[in-house]
Amino acid sequence: MQLTVTEEQLITAAQQLDQDEFTRADIAERLGVERPNLKRAFVRARKAGRLEKVRDDEDNTGHFRLI
């Protein structure tokens, strides 16, 4: 069963991490879901200007921050 994560759930989870930067894996772990279940919420949050991609690390993992 695939769970749908909302933009609000994503933003709340990011705020609860209390970190300047976070990855999709950090959010997935916090919400107890698989990373693919976050894709739509990340797209909506980025388009709404609520988070931005900061960088890719040496493993090509995207790091994000709240705006």
PDB file of N, CA and C in Angstrom:
ATOM      1  N   MET A   1       0.840  -1.172   0.000  1.00  0.00           N
ATOM      2  CA  MET A   1       0.000   0.000   0.000  1.00  0.00           C
ATOM      3  C   MET A   1       0.894   1.247   0.000  1.00  0.00           C
ATOM      4  N   GLN A   2       0.656   2.144  -0.916  1.00  0.00           N
ATOM      5  CA  GLN A   2       1.441   3.370  -1.010  1.00  0.00           C
ATOM      6  C   GLN A   2       0.755   4.485  -0.223  1.00  0.00           C
ATOM      7  N   LEU A   3       1.517   5.113   0.639  1.00  0.00           N
ATOM      8  CA  LEU A   3       0.995   6.208   1.441  1.00  0.00           C
ATOM      9  C   LEU A   3       1.248   7.524   0.719  1.00  0.00           C
ATOM     10  N   THR A   4       0.303   8.424   0.798  1.00  0.00           N
ATOM     11  CA  THR A   4       0.464   9.745   0.207  1.00  0.00           C
ATOM     12  C   THR A   4       0.858  10.717   1.307  1.00  0.00           C
ATOM     13  N   VAL A   5       1.997  11.365   1.107  1.00  0.00           N
ATOM     14  CA  VAL A   5       2.481  12.360   2.058  1.00  0.00           C
ATOM     15  C   VAL A   5       2.103  13.728   1.517  1.00  0.00           C
ATOM     16  N   THR A   6       1.523  14.550   2.362  1.00  0.00           N
ATOM     17  CA  THR A   6       1.129  15.890   1.937  1.00  0.00           C
ATOM     18  C   THR A   6       2.294  16.865   2.109  1.00  0.00           C
ATOM     19  N   GLU A   7       2.170  17.995   1.462  1.00  0.00           N
ATOM     20  CA  GLU A   7       3.158  19.060   1.597  1.00  0.00           C
ATOM     21  C   GLU A   7       3.270  19.493   3.056  1.00  0.00           C
ATOM     22  N   GLU A   8       2.133  19.618   3.734  1.00  0.00           N
ATOM     23  CA  GLU A   8       2.133  20.034   5.145  1.00  0.00           C
ATOM     24  C   GLU A   8       2.863  19.027   6.025  1.00  0.00           C
ATOM     25  N   GLN A   9       2.644  17.731   5.794  1.00  0.00           N
ATOM     26  CA  GLN A   9       3.328  16.703   6.570  1.00  0.00           C
ATOM     27  C   GLN A   9       4.834  16.788   6.352  1.00  0.00           C
ATOM     28  N   LEU A  10       5.237  17.025   5.125  1.00  0.00           N
ATOM     29  CA  LEU A  10       6.649  17.143   4.791  1.00  0.00           C
ATOM     30  C   LEU A  10       7.275  18.333   5.513  1.00  0.00           C
ATOM     31  N   ILE A  11       6.637  19.479   5.458  1.00  0.00           N
ATOM     32  CA  ILE A  11       7.154  20.687   6.105  1.00  0.00           C
ATOM     33  C   ILE A  11       7.216  20.503   7.621  1.00  0.00           C
ATOM     34  N   THR A  12       6.181  19.922   8.193  1.00  0.00           N
ATOM     35  CA  THR A  12       6.165  19.671   9.642  1.00  0.00           C
ATOM     36  C   THR A  12       7.301  18.734  10.044  1.00  0.00           C
ATOM     37  N   ALA A  13       7.506  17.676   9.288  1.00  0.00           N
ATOM     38  CA  ALA A  13       8.585  16.727   9.583  1.00  0.00           C
ATOM     39  C   ALA A  13       9.944  17.411   9.483  1.00  0.00           C
ATOM     40  N   ALA A  14      10.123  18.268   8.479  1.00  0.00           N
ATOM     41  CA  ALA A  14      11.390  18.988   8.321  1.00  0.00           C
ATOM     42  C   ALA A  14      11.630  19.922   9.504  1.00  0.00           C
ATOM     43  N   GLN A  15      10.591  20.582   9.968  1.00  0.00           N
ATOM     44  CA  GLN A  15      10.717  21.474  11.124  1.00  0.00           C
ATOM     45  C   GLN A  15      11.080  20.688  12.378  1.00  0.00           C
ATOM     46  N   GLN A  16      10.524  19.508  12.527  1.00  0.00           N
ATOM     47  CA  GLN A  16      10.783  18.679  13.698  1.00  0.00           C
ATOM     48  C   GLN A  16      12.198  18.112  13.714  1.00  0.00           C
ATOM     49  N   LEU A  17      12.827  18.016  12.534  1.00  0.00           N
ATOM     50  CA  LEU A  17      14.201  17.521  12.478  1.00  0.00           C
ATOM     51  C   LEU A  17      15.159  18.480  13.165  1.00  0.00           C
ATOM     52  N   ASP A  18      14.815  19.762  13.187  1.00  0.00           N
ATOM     53  CA  ASP A  18      15.635  20.785  13.840  1.00  0.00           C
ATOM     54  C   ASP A  18      17.060  20.778  13.295  1.00  0.00           C
ATOM     55  N   GLN A  19      17.165  20.715  11.946  1.00  0.00           N
ATOM     56  CA  GLN A  19      18.452  20.753  11.252  1.00  0.00           C
ATOM     57  C   GLN A  19      18.373  21.840  10.184  1.00  0.00           C
ATOM     58  N   ASP A  20      19.518  22.406   9.841  1.00  0.00           N
ATOM     59  CA  ASP A  20      19.532  23.407   8.776  1.00  0.00           C
ATOM     60  C   ASP A  20      19.260  22.766   7.419  1.00  0.00           C
ATOM     61  N   GLU A  21      19.843  21.593   7.185  1.00  0.00           N
ATOM     62  CA  GLU A  21      19.667  20.865   5.933  1.00  0.00           C
ATOM     63  C   GLU A  21      19.166  19.463   6.224  1.00  0.00           C
ATOM     64  N   PHE A  22      18.462  18.894   5.252  1.00  0.00           N
ATOM     65  CA  PHE A  22      17.953  17.541   5.399  1.00  0.00           C
ATOM     66  C   PHE A  22      17.869  16.891   4.026  1.00  0.00           C
ATOM     67  N   THR A  23      17.775  15.561   4.021  1.00  0.00           N
ATOM     68  CA  THR A  23      17.646  14.801   2.784  1.00  0.00           C
ATOM     69  C   THR A  23      16.251  14.176   2.721  1.00  0.00           C
ATOM     70  N   ARG A  24      15.929  13.648   1.569  1.00  0.00           N
ATOM     71  CA  ARG A  24      14.655  12.932   1.446  1.00  0.00           C
ATOM     72  C   ARG A  24      14.623  11.736   2.397  1.00  0.00           C
ATOM     73  N   ALA A  25      15.775  11.085   2.566  1.00  0.00           N
ATOM     74  CA  ALA A  25      15.849   9.935   3.475  1.00  0.00           C
ATOM     75  C   ALA A  25      15.556  10.349   4.917  1.00  0.00           C
ATOM     76  N   ASP A  26      16.023  11.529   5.326  1.00  0.00           N
ATOM     77  CA  ASP A  26      15.738  12.025   6.680  1.00  0.00           C
ATOM     78  C   ASP A  26      14.235  12.168   6.896  1.00  0.00           C
ATOM     79  N   ILE A  27      13.556  12.746   5.905  1.00  0.00           N
ATOM     80  CA  ILE A  27      12.112  12.962   6.007  1.00  0.00           C
ATOM     81  C   ILE A  27      11.368  11.628   5.973  1.00  0.00           C
ATOM     82  N   ALA A  28      11.785  10.739   5.091  1.00  0.00           N
ATOM     83  CA  ALA A  28      11.141   9.420   4.989  1.00  0.00           C
ATOM     84  C   ALA A  28      11.240   8.667   6.311  1.00  0.00           C
ATOM     85  N   GLU A  29      12.412   8.704   6.930  1.00  0.00           N
ATOM     86  CA  GLU A  29      12.596   8.037   8.214  1.00  0.00           C
ATOM     87  C   GLU A  29      11.709   8.668   9.281  1.00  0.00           C
ATOM     88  N   ARG A  30      11.650   9.992   9.294  1.00  0.00           N
ATOM     89  CA  ARG A  30      10.840  10.712  10.289  1.00  0.00           C
ATOM     90  C   ARG A  30       9.362  10.355  10.166  1.00  0.00           C
ATOM     91  N   LEU A  31       8.893  10.217   8.913  1.00  0.00           N
ATOM     92  CA  LEU A  31       7.473   9.920   8.672  1.00  0.00           C
ATOM     93  C   LEU A  31       7.168   8.425   8.610  1.00  0.00           C
ATOM     94  N   GLY A  32       8.197   7.600   8.563  1.00  0.00           N
ATOM     95  CA  GLY A  32       7.991   6.155   8.510  1.00  0.00           C
ATOM     96  C   GLY A  32       7.447   5.673   7.173  1.00  0.00           C
ATOM     97  N   VAL A  33       7.902   6.313   6.089  1.00  0.00           N
ATOM     98  CA  VAL A  33       7.473   5.936   4.745  1.00  0.00           C
ATOM     99  C   VAL A  33       8.695   5.689   3.871  1.00  0.00           C
ATOM    100  N   GLU A  34       8.472   5.166   2.674  1.00  0.00           N
ATOM    101  CA  GLU A  34       9.545   4.977   1.710  1.00  0.00           C
ATOM    102  C   GLU A  34       9.792   6.288   0.969  1.00  0.00           C
ATOM    103  N   ARG A  35      11.014   6.500   0.529  1.00  0.00           N
ATOM    104  CA  ARG A  35      11.361   7.742  -0.175  1.00  0.00           C
ATOM    105  C   ARG A  35      10.492   8.034  -1.402  1.00  0.00           C
ATOM    106  N   PRO A  36      10.142   7.041  -2.223  1.00  0.00           N
ATOM    107  CA  PRO A  36       9.300   7.359  -3.390  1.00  0.00           C
ATOM    108  C   PRO A  36       7.953   7.985  -3.021  1.00  0.00           C
ATOM    109  N   ASN A  37       7.461   7.744  -1.821  1.00  0.00           N
ATOM    110  CA  ASN A  37       6.184   8.310  -1.386  1.00  0.00           C
ATOM    111  C   ASN A  37       6.275   9.809  -1.112  1.00  0.00           C
ATOM    112  N   LEU A  38       7.473  10.353  -1.144  1.00  0.00           N
ATOM    113  CA  LEU A  38       7.673  11.768  -0.855  1.00  0.00           C
ATOM    114  C   LEU A  38       7.751  12.639  -2.096  1.00  0.00           C
ATOM    115  N   LYS A  39       7.895  12.034  -3.255  1.00  0.00           N
ATOM    116  CA  LYS A  39       8.180  12.793  -4.473  1.00  0.00           C
ATOM    117  C   LYS A  39       7.183  13.924  -4.721  1.00  0.00           C
ATOM    118  N   ARG A  40       5.917  13.641  -4.716  1.00  0.00           N
ATOM    119  CA  ARG A  40       4.902  14.664  -5.003  1.00  0.00           C
ATOM    120  C   ARG A  40       4.914  15.786  -3.973  1.00  0.00           C
ATOM    121  N   ALA A  41       5.089  15.427  -2.712  1.00  0.00           N
ATOM    122  CA  ALA A  41       5.118  16.444  -1.658  1.00  0.00           C
ATOM    123  C   ALA A  41       6.334  17.355  -1.826  1.00  0.00           C
ATOM    124  N   PHE A  42       7.489  16.793  -2.196  1.00  0.00           N
ATOM    125  CA  PHE A  42       8.679  17.608  -2.421  1.00  0.00           C
ATOM    126  C   PHE A  42       8.466  18.545  -3.606  1.00  0.00           C
ATOM    127  N   VAL A  43       7.880  18.047  -4.670  1.00  0.00           N
ATOM    128  CA  VAL A  43       7.626  18.878  -5.854  1.00  0.00           C
ATOM    129  C   VAL A  43       6.690  20.032  -5.491  1.00  0.00           C
ATOM    130  N   ARG A  44       5.605  19.728  -4.792  1.00  0.00           N
ATOM    131  CA  ARG A  44       4.649  20.778  -4.410  1.00  0.00           C
ATOM    132  C   ARG A  44       5.290  21.808  -3.482  1.00  0.00           C
ATOM    133  N   ALA A  45       6.074  21.354  -2.518  1.00  0.00           N
ATOM    134  CA  ALA A  45       6.709  22.274  -1.568  1.00  0.00           C
ATOM    135  C   ALA A  45       7.739  23.163  -2.261  1.00  0.00           C
ATOM    136  N   ARG A  46       8.476  22.608  -3.214  1.00  0.00           N
ATOM    137  CA  ARG A  46       9.455  23.422  -3.942  1.00  0.00           C
ATOM    138  C   ARG A  46       8.758  24.450  -4.824  1.00  0.00           C
ATOM    139  N   LYS A  47       7.698  24.035  -5.512  1.00  0.00           N
ATOM    140  CA  LYS A  47       6.961  24.963  -6.375  1.00  0.00           C
ATOM    141  C   LYS A  47       6.290  26.063  -5.563  1.00  0.00           C
ATOM    142  N   ALA A  48       5.876  25.751  -4.356  1.00  0.00           N
ATOM    143  CA  ALA A  48       5.230  26.737  -3.479  1.00  0.00           C
ATOM    144  C   ALA A  48       6.254  27.647  -2.800  1.00  0.00           C
ATOM    145  N   GLY A  49       7.540  27.357  -2.994  1.00  0.00           N
ATOM    146  CA  GLY A  49       8.572  28.194  -2.396  1.00  0.00           C
ATOM    147  C   GLY A  49       8.782  27.945  -0.914  1.00  0.00           C
ATOM    148  N   ARG A  50       8.452  26.760  -0.448  1.00  0.00           N
ATOM    149  CA  ARG A  50       8.575  26.459   0.982  1.00  0.00           C
ATOM    150  C   ARG A  50       9.880  25.756   1.328  1.00  0.00           C
ATOM    151  N   LEU A  51      10.526  25.168   0.328  1.00  0.00           N
ATOM    152  CA  LEU A  51      11.837  24.582   0.535  1.00  0.00           C
ATOM    153  C   LEU A  51      12.632  24.694  -0.747  1.00  0.00           C
ATOM    154  N   GLU A  52      13.955  24.604  -0.612  1.00  0.00           N
ATOM    155  CA  GLU A  52      14.816  24.683  -1.783  1.00  0.00           C
ATOM    156  C   GLU A  52      15.933  23.663  -1.669  1.00  0.00           C
ATOM    157  N   LYS A  53      16.425  23.260  -2.825  1.00  0.00           N
ATOM    158  CA  LYS A  53      17.557  22.357  -2.862  1.00  0.00           C
ATOM    159  C   LYS A  53      18.809  23.188  -2.660  1.00  0.00           C
ATOM    160  N   VAL A  54      19.642  22.763  -1.718  1.00  0.00           N
ATOM    161  CA  VAL A  54      20.844  23.500  -1.378  1.00  0.00           C
ATOM    162  C   VAL A  54      22.036  22.971  -2.156  1.00  0.00           C
ATOM    163  N   ARG A  55      22.153  21.640  -2.196  1.00  0.00           N
ATOM    164  CA  ARG A  55      23.335  21.046  -2.829  1.00  0.00           C
ATOM    165  C   ARG A  55      23.141  19.552  -3.019  1.00  0.00           C
ATOM    166  N   ASP A  56      24.039  18.974  -3.791  1.00  0.00           N
ATOM    167  CA  ASP A  56      24.185  17.524  -3.888  1.00  0.00           C
ATOM    168  C   ASP A  56      25.526  17.184  -3.254  1.00  0.00           C
ATOM    169  N   ASP A  57      25.555  16.142  -2.426  1.00  0.00           N
ATOM    170  CA  ASP A  57      26.823  15.771  -1.806  1.00  0.00           C
ATOM    171  C   ASP A  57      27.613  14.854  -2.739  1.00  0.00           C
ATOM    172  N   GLU A  58      28.723  14.331  -2.256  1.00  0.00           N
ATOM    173  CA  GLU A  58      29.603  13.493  -3.083  1.00  0.00           C
ATOM    174  C   GLU A  58      28.924  12.206  -3.548  1.00  0.00           C
ATOM    175  N   ASP A  59      27.885  11.765  -2.862  1.00  0.00           N
ATOM    176  CA  ASP A  59      27.123  10.575  -3.260  1.00  0.00           C
ATOM    177  C   ASP A  59      25.932  10.941  -4.139  1.00  0.00           C
ATOM    178  N   ASN A  60      25.856  12.214  -4.544  1.00  0.00           N
ATOM    179  CA  ASN A  60      24.776  12.730  -5.379  1.00  0.00           C
ATOM    180  C   ASN A  60      23.422  12.721  -4.634  1.00  0.00           C
ATOM    181  N   THR A  61      23.473  12.832  -3.321  1.00  0.00           N
ATOM    182  CA  THR A  61      22.280  12.916  -2.491  1.00  0.00           C
ATOM    183  C   THR A  61      21.895  14.384  -2.354  1.00  0.00           C
ATOM    184  N   GLY A  62      20.651  14.693  -2.662  1.00  0.00           N
ATOM    185  CA  GLY A  62      20.183  16.070  -2.560  1.00  0.00           C
ATOM    186  C   GLY A  62      19.956  16.492  -1.121  1.00  0.00           C
ATOM    187  N   HIS A  63      20.384  17.695  -0.810  1.00  0.00           N
ATOM    188  CA  HIS A  63      20.164  18.283   0.511  1.00  0.00           C
ATOM    189  C   HIS A  63      19.282  19.506   0.329  1.00  0.00           C
ATOM    190  N   PHE A  64      18.306  19.650   1.223  1.00  0.00           N
ATOM    191  CA  PHE A  64      17.287  20.697   1.121  1.00  0.00           C
ATOM    192  C   PHE A  64      17.270  21.510   2.398  1.00  0.00           C
ATOM    193  N   ARG A  65      16.623  22.676   2.320  1.00  0.00           N
ATOM    194  CA  ARG A  65      16.396  23.496   3.522  1.00  0.00           C
ATOM    195  C   ARG A  65      15.035  24.175   3.376  1.00  0.00           C
ATOM    196  N   LEU A  66      14.453  24.491   4.520  1.00  0.00           N
ATOM    197  CA  LEU A  66      13.196  25.228   4.534  1.00  0.00           C
ATOM    198  C   LEU A  66      13.470  26.693   4.264  1.00  0.00           C
ATOM    199  N   ILE A  67      12.538  27.350   3.611  1.00  0.00           N
ATOM    200  CA  ILE A  67      12.668  28.775   3.330  1.00  0.00           C
ATOM    201  C   ILE A  67      11.790  29.544   4.291  1.00  0.00           C
TER     202      ILE A  67
END
